[in-house]
Amino acid sequence: MIDKKSPRWIASLGLAAIAGCSSDYGYYTVPVAPIYVPPPAVIAPPYPRGDTSSQVVSCSSQDRRYTRCDVQLSDRDSVHLIQQESSAPCVQGRDWGKERGALWVSNGCRATFRIERYYWR
């Protein structure tokens, strides 16, 4: 039996410590920085609302030609078809739409549109 109070036993512990032995049985552990956990997602509030107003405009394509209607639009204004008046189809993006600040119609589309104006306050 080994006497754990003997000078030989105590000296062997010192040699083991100098040799790099430890109580983790030879497994080297790498210090790791704490994992970054982002804060909970915050839903951004919508853009500040401006004031809106609406305007009703009739626009028609004569002889199926492309026609720009007499109304000025901003990028924030929205246009809605409220009543189709032609037998020709009025499909948004194909027969009517808005571009470069104007309302346009083509392919014989004739309709009444509501323009929702957006004013920044």
N, C-alpha and C. Protein backbone atom coordinates (compact mmCIF):
# COMPACT_ATOMS: atom_id res chain seq x y z
N MET A 1 0.82 -1.17 0.00
CA MET A 1 0.00 0.00 0.00
C MET A 1 0.87 1.25 0.00
N ILE A 2 0.42 2.29 -0.71
CA ILE A 2 1.21 3.51 -0.83
C ILE A 2 0.79 4.46 0.29
N ASP A 3 1.80 4.97 0.94
CA ASP A 3 1.55 5.93 2.00
C ASP A 3 1.49 7.32 1.36
N LYS A 4 0.31 7.95 1.36
CA LYS A 4 0.12 9.22 0.67
C LYS A 4 0.74 10.39 1.43
N LYS A 5 1.30 10.13 2.60
CA LYS A 5 1.96 11.19 3.35
C LYS A 5 3.47 11.08 3.23
N SER A 6 3.95 10.08 2.49
CA SER A 6 5.40 9.88 2.39
C SER A 6 6.00 10.93 1.47
N PRO A 7 7.26 11.30 1.71
CA PRO A 7 7.92 12.28 0.86
C PRO A 7 7.99 11.84 -0.60
N ARG A 8 8.11 10.56 -0.86
CA ARG A 8 8.17 10.06 -2.23
C ARG A 8 6.84 10.33 -2.94
N TRP A 9 5.72 10.08 -2.28
CA TRP A 9 4.39 10.32 -2.87
C TRP A 9 4.19 11.80 -3.16
N ILE A 10 4.54 12.64 -2.22
CA ILE A 10 4.38 14.08 -2.39
C ILE A 10 5.27 14.56 -3.54
N ALA A 11 6.48 14.06 -3.65
CA ALA A 11 7.39 14.45 -4.72
C ALA A 11 6.85 14.00 -6.07
N SER A 12 6.23 12.82 -6.13
CA SER A 12 5.69 12.35 -7.41
C SER A 12 4.53 13.25 -7.87
N LEU A 13 3.78 13.82 -6.94
CA LEU A 13 2.72 14.75 -7.32
C LEU A 13 3.31 16.01 -7.94
N GLY A 14 4.43 16.48 -7.38
CA GLY A 14 5.08 17.66 -7.93
C GLY A 14 5.61 17.39 -9.33
N LEU A 15 6.21 16.22 -9.55
CA LEU A 15 6.72 15.87 -10.88
C LEU A 15 5.57 15.77 -11.88
N ALA A 16 4.45 15.23 -11.45
CA ALA A 16 3.31 15.11 -12.34
C ALA A 16 2.80 16.49 -12.72
N ALA A 17 2.80 17.40 -11.79
CA ALA A 17 2.34 18.75 -12.08
C ALA A 17 3.30 19.45 -13.03
N ILE A 18 4.61 19.24 -12.84
CA ILE A 18 5.60 19.86 -13.72
C ILE A 18 5.49 19.28 -15.13
N ALA A 19 5.21 17.99 -15.24
CA ALA A 19 5.12 17.33 -16.54
C ALA A 19 3.83 17.70 -17.28
N GLY A 20 2.91 18.39 -16.65
CA GLY A 20 1.70 18.85 -17.33
C GLY A 20 0.52 17.94 -17.14
N CYS A 21 0.59 17.02 -16.23
CA CYS A 21 -0.55 16.16 -15.98
C CYS A 21 -1.61 16.95 -15.24
N SER A 22 -2.82 16.61 -15.51
CA SER A 22 -3.91 17.27 -14.82
C SER A 22 -5.00 16.25 -14.56
N SER A 23 -6.06 16.72 -13.97
CA SER A 23 -7.13 15.80 -13.61
C SER A 23 -8.11 15.57 -14.75
N ASP A 24 -7.85 16.13 -15.96
CA ASP A 24 -8.79 15.91 -17.06
C ASP A 24 -8.39 14.71 -17.91
N TYR A 25 -7.51 13.89 -17.40
CA TYR A 25 -7.10 12.64 -18.03
C TYR A 25 -6.55 12.82 -19.43
N GLY A 26 -5.80 13.90 -19.65
CA GLY A 26 -5.13 14.09 -20.91
C GLY A 26 -5.93 14.80 -21.98
N TYR A 27 -7.17 15.13 -21.73
CA TYR A 27 -7.97 15.86 -22.72
C TYR A 27 -7.69 17.35 -22.55
N TYR A 28 -7.34 17.98 -23.66
CA TYR A 28 -7.05 19.40 -23.62
C TYR A 28 -8.32 20.16 -23.96
N THR A 29 -8.71 21.08 -23.12
CA THR A 29 -9.91 21.87 -23.38
C THR A 29 -9.50 23.25 -23.85
N VAL A 30 -10.17 23.72 -24.88
CA VAL A 30 -9.88 25.03 -25.45
C VAL A 30 -10.83 26.03 -24.82
N PRO A 31 -10.28 27.13 -24.30
CA PRO A 31 -11.18 28.14 -23.77
C PRO A 31 -11.99 28.76 -24.91
N VAL A 32 -13.27 28.89 -24.72
CA VAL A 32 -14.17 29.39 -25.75
C VAL A 32 -14.85 30.65 -25.24
N ALA A 33 -14.90 31.64 -26.12
CA ALA A 33 -15.60 32.87 -25.75
C ALA A 33 -17.09 32.58 -25.68
N PRO A 34 -17.80 33.31 -24.87
CA PRO A 34 -19.25 33.08 -24.79
C PRO A 34 -19.90 33.27 -26.17
N ILE A 35 -20.90 32.49 -26.45
CA ILE A 35 -21.61 32.57 -27.72
C ILE A 35 -22.45 33.83 -27.74
N TYR A 36 -22.38 34.56 -28.87
CA TYR A 36 -23.18 35.78 -29.01
C TYR A 36 -24.62 35.40 -29.29
N VAL A 37 -25.50 35.91 -28.49
CA VAL A 37 -26.93 35.70 -28.70
C VAL A 37 -27.53 37.06 -29.00
N PRO A 38 -28.06 37.24 -30.23
CA PRO A 38 -28.61 38.55 -30.56
C PRO A 38 -29.84 38.86 -29.72
N PRO A 39 -30.11 40.13 -29.53
CA PRO A 39 -31.31 40.49 -28.77
C PRO A 39 -32.55 40.06 -29.53
N PRO A 40 -33.67 39.94 -28.86
CA PRO A 40 -34.89 39.54 -29.55
C PRO A 40 -35.24 40.52 -30.67
N ALA A 41 -35.81 39.97 -31.72
CA ALA A 41 -36.16 40.80 -32.88
C ALA A 41 -37.19 41.85 -32.48
N VAL A 42 -36.96 43.03 -32.96
CA VAL A 42 -37.89 44.13 -32.72
C VAL A 42 -38.51 44.49 -34.06
N ILE A 43 -39.80 44.46 -34.12
CA ILE A 43 -40.48 44.81 -35.37
C ILE A 43 -40.49 46.32 -35.49
N ALA A 44 -39.91 46.79 -36.60
CA ALA A 44 -39.84 48.24 -36.81
C ALA A 44 -41.23 48.79 -37.07
N PRO A 45 -41.52 49.93 -36.52
CA PRO A 45 -42.83 50.53 -36.80
C PRO A 45 -42.90 50.94 -38.27
N PRO A 46 -44.07 51.03 -38.83
CA PRO A 46 -44.18 51.44 -40.23
C PRO A 46 -43.72 52.88 -40.39
N TYR A 47 -43.45 53.23 -41.64
CA TYR A 47 -43.07 54.61 -41.92
C TYR A 47 -44.15 55.54 -41.39
N PRO A 48 -43.75 56.72 -40.98
CA PRO A 48 -44.78 57.67 -40.52
C PRO A 48 -45.81 57.90 -41.61
N ARG A 49 -47.03 57.86 -41.23
CA ARG A 49 -48.10 58.05 -42.23
C ARG A 49 -48.21 59.50 -42.62
N GLY A 50 -48.45 59.68 -43.88
CA GLY A 50 -48.73 61.02 -44.37
C GLY A 50 -50.23 61.13 -44.56
N ASP A 51 -50.65 62.22 -45.08
CA ASP A 51 -52.07 62.42 -45.36
C ASP A 51 -52.36 61.91 -46.76
N THR A 52 -53.53 61.38 -46.95
CA THR A 52 -53.93 60.91 -48.27
C THR A 52 -55.21 61.62 -48.70
N SER A 53 -55.36 61.72 -49.99
CA SER A 53 -56.61 62.20 -50.57
C SER A 53 -56.79 61.41 -51.86
N SER A 54 -57.99 61.41 -52.39
CA SER A 54 -58.21 60.64 -53.61
C SER A 54 -58.78 61.53 -54.70
N GLN A 55 -58.56 61.08 -55.92
CA GLN A 55 -59.03 61.79 -57.10
C GLN A 55 -59.55 60.73 -58.07
N VAL A 56 -60.65 61.01 -58.75
CA VAL A 56 -61.22 60.08 -59.72
C VAL A 56 -60.95 60.62 -61.12
N VAL A 57 -60.43 59.73 -62.00
CA VAL A 57 -60.04 60.12 -63.35
C VAL A 57 -60.55 59.09 -64.33
N SER A 58 -61.07 59.54 -65.48
CA SER A 58 -61.44 58.63 -66.58
C SER A 58 -60.34 58.68 -67.62
N CYS A 59 -60.03 57.53 -68.18
CA CYS A 59 -58.95 57.46 -69.16
C CYS A 59 -59.32 56.40 -70.19
N SER A 60 -59.05 56.67 -71.46
CA SER A 60 -59.43 55.69 -72.50
C SER A 60 -58.39 55.61 -73.60
N SER A 61 -58.27 54.42 -74.15
CA SER A 61 -57.37 54.15 -75.26
C SER A 61 -58.18 54.19 -76.55
N GLN A 62 -57.89 55.15 -77.42
CA GLN A 62 -58.60 55.27 -78.69
C GLN A 62 -57.93 54.39 -79.74
N ASP A 63 -58.71 53.61 -80.45
CA ASP A 63 -58.20 52.72 -81.50
C ASP A 63 -57.09 51.80 -80.98
N ARG A 64 -57.24 51.36 -79.73
CA ARG A 64 -56.31 50.41 -79.10
C ARG A 64 -54.89 50.96 -78.95
N ARG A 65 -54.74 52.29 -79.04
CA ARG A 65 -53.41 52.89 -78.94
C ARG A 65 -53.05 53.22 -77.49
N TYR A 66 -51.74 53.26 -77.26
CA TYR A 66 -51.19 53.67 -75.97
C TYR A 66 -51.51 55.14 -75.74
N THR A 67 -52.09 55.46 -74.59
CA THR A 67 -52.47 56.84 -74.28
C THR A 67 -52.04 57.18 -72.86
N ARG A 68 -51.36 58.31 -72.72
CA ARG A 68 -51.04 58.83 -71.38
C ARG A 68 -52.14 59.80 -70.99
N CYS A 69 -52.67 59.61 -69.80
CA CYS A 69 -53.81 60.42 -69.36
C CYS A 69 -53.33 61.67 -68.65
N ASP A 70 -54.19 62.66 -68.60
CA ASP A 70 -53.85 63.97 -68.07
C ASP A 70 -53.91 63.98 -66.54
N VAL A 71 -52.94 63.34 -65.93
CA VAL A 71 -52.86 63.33 -64.47
C VAL A 71 -51.39 63.09 -64.09
N GLN A 72 -50.92 63.80 -63.10
CA GLN A 72 -49.55 63.63 -62.62
C GLN A 72 -49.55 62.73 -61.39
N LEU A 73 -48.62 61.79 -61.33
CA LEU A 73 -48.54 60.86 -60.22
C LEU A 73 -47.16 60.90 -59.60
N SER A 74 -47.10 60.69 -58.30
CA SER A 74 -45.81 60.51 -57.64
C SER A 74 -45.60 59.02 -57.43
N ASP A 75 -44.39 58.64 -57.03
CA ASP A 75 -44.10 57.23 -56.79
C ASP A 75 -44.95 56.66 -55.65
N ARG A 76 -45.33 57.50 -54.71
CA ARG A 76 -46.11 57.03 -53.56
C ARG A 76 -47.61 56.96 -53.83
N ASP A 77 -48.07 57.60 -54.89
CA ASP A 77 -49.50 57.55 -55.22
C ASP A 77 -49.87 56.15 -55.70
N SER A 78 -51.07 55.70 -55.35
CA SER A 78 -51.53 54.39 -55.84
C SER A 78 -52.76 54.60 -56.73
N VAL A 79 -52.88 53.74 -57.73
CA VAL A 79 -53.97 53.85 -58.70
C VAL A 79 -54.79 52.57 -58.64
N HIS A 80 -56.13 52.72 -58.62
CA HIS A 80 -57.04 51.58 -58.57
C HIS A 80 -58.10 51.74 -59.65
N LEU A 81 -58.35 50.69 -60.40
CA LEU A 81 -59.43 50.70 -61.38
C LEU A 81 -60.73 50.51 -60.61
N ILE A 82 -61.67 51.45 -60.75
CA ILE A 82 -62.92 51.32 -60.01
C ILE A 82 -64.09 50.94 -60.91
N GLN A 83 -64.01 51.25 -62.22
CA GLN A 83 -65.08 50.83 -63.12
C GLN A 83 -64.55 50.74 -64.55
N GLN A 84 -64.66 49.55 -65.11
CA GLN A 84 -64.27 49.35 -66.51
C GLN A 84 -65.43 49.76 -67.40
N GLU A 85 -65.15 50.57 -68.42
CA GLU A 85 -66.19 51.08 -69.30
C GLU A 85 -66.08 50.54 -70.72
N SER A 86 -65.10 49.71 -70.98
CA SER A 86 -64.90 49.17 -72.34
C SER A 86 -65.20 47.68 -72.35
N SER A 87 -65.45 47.17 -73.56
CA SER A 87 -65.60 45.72 -73.69
C SER A 87 -64.23 45.06 -73.78
N ALA A 88 -63.21 45.84 -74.14
CA ALA A 88 -61.83 45.32 -74.15
C ALA A 88 -61.37 45.14 -72.71
N PRO A 89 -60.52 44.15 -72.45
CA PRO A 89 -60.06 43.93 -71.08
C PRO A 89 -59.18 45.08 -70.59
N CYS A 90 -59.17 45.27 -69.29
CA CYS A 90 -58.31 46.27 -68.64
C CYS A 90 -57.52 45.56 -67.55
N VAL A 91 -56.41 44.98 -67.93
CA VAL A 91 -55.57 44.23 -67.00
C VAL A 91 -54.39 45.11 -66.59
N GLN A 92 -54.21 45.28 -65.28
CA GLN A 92 -53.13 46.13 -64.79
C GLN A 92 -51.78 45.57 -65.23
N GLY A 93 -50.92 46.45 -65.68
CA GLY A 93 -49.60 46.06 -66.14
C GLY A 93 -49.55 45.71 -67.62
N ARG A 94 -50.68 45.32 -68.17
CA ARG A 94 -50.75 45.01 -69.60
C ARG A 94 -51.57 46.05 -70.35
N ASP A 95 -52.73 46.41 -69.82
CA ASP A 95 -53.63 47.35 -70.48
C ASP A 95 -53.70 48.71 -69.80
N TRP A 96 -53.21 48.79 -68.59
CA TRP A 96 -53.15 50.07 -67.89
C TRP A 96 -52.11 50.00 -66.79
N GLY A 97 -51.64 51.17 -66.36
CA GLY A 97 -50.66 51.21 -65.29
C GLY A 97 -50.16 52.63 -65.07
N LYS A 98 -49.13 52.73 -64.24
CA LYS A 98 -48.52 54.04 -64.03
C LYS A 98 -47.03 53.91 -64.28
N GLU A 99 -46.48 54.92 -64.91
CA GLU A 99 -45.04 54.95 -65.16
C GLU A 99 -44.60 56.39 -65.35
N ARG A 100 -43.39 56.67 -64.92
CA ARG A 100 -42.81 58.01 -65.07
C ARG A 100 -43.79 59.12 -64.70
N GLY A 101 -44.51 58.92 -63.62
CA GLY A 101 -45.39 59.96 -63.11
C GLY A 101 -46.68 60.18 -63.88
N ALA A 102 -47.13 59.18 -64.65
CA ALA A 102 -48.37 59.34 -65.41
C ALA A 102 -49.16 58.04 -65.41
N LEU A 103 -50.46 58.17 -65.62
CA LEU A 103 -51.36 57.02 -65.79
C LEU A 103 -51.46 56.76 -67.29
N TRP A 104 -51.41 55.49 -67.71
CA TRP A 104 -51.52 55.16 -69.12
C TRP A 104 -52.52 54.03 -69.32
N VAL A 105 -53.08 53.97 -70.52
CA VAL A 105 -53.96 52.87 -70.93
C VAL A 105 -53.58 52.47 -72.35
N SER A 106 -53.93 51.25 -72.74
CA SER A 106 -53.68 50.79 -74.11
C SER A 106 -54.61 49.63 -74.42
N ASN A 107 -54.53 49.11 -75.64
CA ASN A 107 -55.30 47.94 -76.08
C ASN A 107 -56.81 48.13 -75.96
N GLY A 108 -57.28 49.36 -76.07
CA GLY A 108 -58.72 49.61 -76.04
C GLY A 108 -59.32 49.72 -74.66
N CYS A 109 -58.50 49.73 -73.64
CA CYS A 109 -59.01 49.84 -72.26
C CYS A 109 -59.59 51.24 -72.04
N ARG A 110 -60.77 51.29 -71.47
CA ARG A 110 -61.42 52.55 -71.09
C ARG A 110 -62.01 52.33 -69.71
N ALA A 111 -61.60 53.16 -68.74
CA ALA A 111 -62.04 52.91 -67.37
C ALA A 111 -61.96 54.18 -66.53
N THR A 112 -62.56 54.08 -65.35
CA THR A 112 -62.47 55.13 -64.35
C THR A 112 -61.53 54.63 -63.26
N PHE A 113 -60.60 55.48 -62.86
CA PHE A 113 -59.57 55.11 -61.89
C PHE A 113 -59.65 56.03 -60.68
N ARG A 114 -59.32 55.48 -59.52
CA ARG A 114 -59.20 56.29 -58.30
C ARG A 114 -57.72 56.38 -57.97
N ILE A 115 -57.25 57.60 -57.80
CA ILE A 115 -55.85 57.84 -57.45
C ILE A 115 -55.80 58.23 -55.98
N GLU A 116 -55.08 57.46 -55.20
CA GLU A 116 -54.87 57.76 -53.78
C GLU A 116 -53.59 58.58 -53.69
N ARG A 117 -53.73 59.84 -53.40
CA ARG A 117 -52.58 60.75 -53.29
C ARG A 117 -51.96 60.61 -51.91
N TYR A 118 -50.66 60.65 -51.86
CA TYR A 118 -49.93 60.55 -50.60
C TYR A 118 -49.18 61.85 -50.38
N TYR A 119 -49.42 62.48 -49.25
CA TYR A 119 -48.73 63.72 -48.90
C TYR A 119 -47.95 63.49 -47.61
N TRP A 120 -46.67 63.76 -47.64
CA TRP A 120 -45.83 63.59 -46.46
C TRP A 120 -46.10 64.73 -45.49
N ARG A 121 -46.26 64.39 -44.23
CA ARG A 121 -46.46 65.48 -43.27
C ARG A 121 -45.25 65.66 -42.41
